[in-house]
Every structure is written in C-alpha cells, then in structure tokens.
Amino acid sequence: MGIQQSGGKDFGEILGLRDEIGEIQSAIADFEVGKRVNVAIIAGLLGGKTTLINEIEKLNLNRATKIIFSGIVRDKKEISLPEDTKRVVLLDNCHFLYIRKPGGFDIFYEFLNMISSQDRIFVTTWNLYSWRYLDKAFELGKYFPLQVLIPPFEKEDIRSLILKRYGEGEIIFNNGGESEEEPAIYIVHHPLELASLGRKIVVPVPKINVPYFKRRFLKKEEEKEKKEEETAEYRVFEEIHLESKGNPGVAVRVWELGLHYPHISPEKIGQFSYDIELEYDEAFVLNLILSYQGLKKNEIVDMVGSRLRVNETIFRLLNLGLIFEFGDDSFRVRPEALRSVIAYLEKLRLVW
C-alpha cells in the first residue's frame, strides 16, 4: 500500500471522461455541504480507472489523500487511515481487499465497516469483474450510491491518447500505395533484338505515369481532396478502435505492436483472436488473473490450494500466449488476448 498526498501540479483534461469527472466532482462538492455519497469507479483491465482517479486527485489538490493497494491485502492495518488523512479519500485497486476462498473476506468486512463509520467521502476503483462478483455476493453497490462505469473510448479519444506522446509530424502514416511524388514521365529500358546484327540492344523508352495523371488531372475536383476516410492515419485508428473495442490500454498495446518507429500503416495493425480450450480449473485461474488484474503465484496458490497444479496451469497459460509475467512477478492477461479471454470466460459463466 502506498499513501500519497495531493500535490499542486497543473492538470490537463483527461481524454474521453469529461462526464465521469463531472459526476465525481459533483459528489465531492455535495459532501462539502453535508451530503455524503461514496463513489465507485468501475472498469475492466486497462479500462482507465487508475487514470481517472489520478485526475480526480489533481482536481482536488490539498483536500484528498490517496491510498494505492498494489496486492492482496492481508492485514487490516493496511486499510487503517493515517491521522492526517483528509476528508476526501481516494482508494485505488479495491479489488485487492478480498481473497476468493472460504474465510478470505475478513479484510473486506473491515473495509465496509470503515467506509460506513467515517465522516469522509470515499472515491474507489474496482475491477469490473471483481465488482460484479462482490455486488452479487454482498450487495456492494449499496455502499457506493454513485457508480461510475467507464465507457469505451471513442476513436478520436484513442487517437489523441496515443498521439499526445509524440511531437507533431513525428509519426509517419503509410498507405502502402504508389507515391504521389513519382515523376510524370519516366524511362524504361526496353531490350530490342536486331536480327541483322545478331545481337540485342537496350533502347530507352519514355513511359507516361498514368496513375500519376489520373490522380493529378483526371479526377473531379472533389475527388482530388483526400477524404478523411482515405488517409492512412484514419485507417490506422479505425483498425485500432475496432480491435480494442474502445479499451485505451489495449489500443496502446495494439499501436505498439504495429509501430515500426517512426512508421505505421493500416496493414501492420494486427487482428488478434485466440482459440481457447482449457480445463475448468485452468479457466478458473485465468478468471482470477483477469478479476484481480494481476496476481503473484503465491496469491493464486492461496486461492486454489495446490502449488503443483498452479505451476502447471501458469505454464500452460503462458505457452498459449494468454498471460505474461509482469515486472513485479505478477501474472497478467495479455492486452491483445483480452477480448478472446473475456469471451471464453463469459461462455463458461465465470465472468458476467
């Protein structure tokens, strides 16, 4: 767990979440005049909930304390608030407050008691699938009257999110067609057989670049101007938006896989589909990794019970390319496999 006090840095408008920011800020403003409504920010893996709560922290500067849960919480001291905690409490990654096994909900109960008894407003983030499980089992939503479900990003928001990391004109979008800088006339060396001399000679023959003239002179005036739909940049972000389904984290990953810096083209944007067939306990482990967003091996063993079986399952999921090992030794779903993983687990009714 890490504790951060709000700083005084300037902030910029977060892409695609203007309405959600407004809702949360209204709840905080209402709290200042005596109306307390706790907030749950809910999204799937890489859906933008941490980015959103970071923006809320910036907006509230000196009146917020942020606590980050970076792994499963086992000691209730980790959820105890410091004496200097401010009246607006931001809690990131609350899906780490329970262990999915019998007897694994003591910390979760302590957490519910804390937010019910404190004269503070709590703004929290939750993994979508953990939230749905806990809401169904414990009616979690009653403790958070304002539930902000982060929607998929629009294509233009994804474009802005990705391109803001680069300078103007830094990225070169390639269409893959003929260059419009080709000459209007060029030389082709044509072999000519001279029977009288018994040999061949190469004759330079001028050739008209017909596609060039079609583009430059033969099209109607309105066809000369490239429509947005015809540009490589438009097609790149169209493909990324379709592949990511508006998930910003997945969109960035798809972009990175297709980028050959500084060049990118629509043809390089991959389409990822995984044909998944797992045993039920393997699917359950995959569901845990998805619902917690990242789990260390010992945390999975604690919930499953068999280290040998977990080792076998992790090995298989890694080989199938469904998960990867992150820098903190946790296992996470590969962004490019996310859509296939969710569809498979929904089919098994492990997530909903």
Foldseek 3Di string as FASTA:
>chain_A
DDKDAFAADDDDDAFPCPVVLVVVVVQVVVLVVPDAAAEEEEEFQLQCPVVSLVVVSNVVGHQEMEDEDPAADDDLVSVDDDPPGGQEYEYEQCLSQFAPAVPGNPSVVVVLVVLVPDSHHYHYYFHNQSVVVCCVVPVVCVRHVHYHYRAFGDLVSLVCVQPVVDDVPFADEDAPDDDLPDDQKDWDFQWDQDVVVRGIDTDIDIDGPVVNCCQVPVDDPVVNDDDLCNDFSSLQSVLLCVLLVRSNRLSNVQCVQQCPPRYGGNVSRDRDAADDDDDPVLLLLVLVQRRSQWHALVSSCVNPVDSVVSVVSVVVCVVSQQWDQDPVRIIGGDSSCVVNSVVVCVVVVVGD
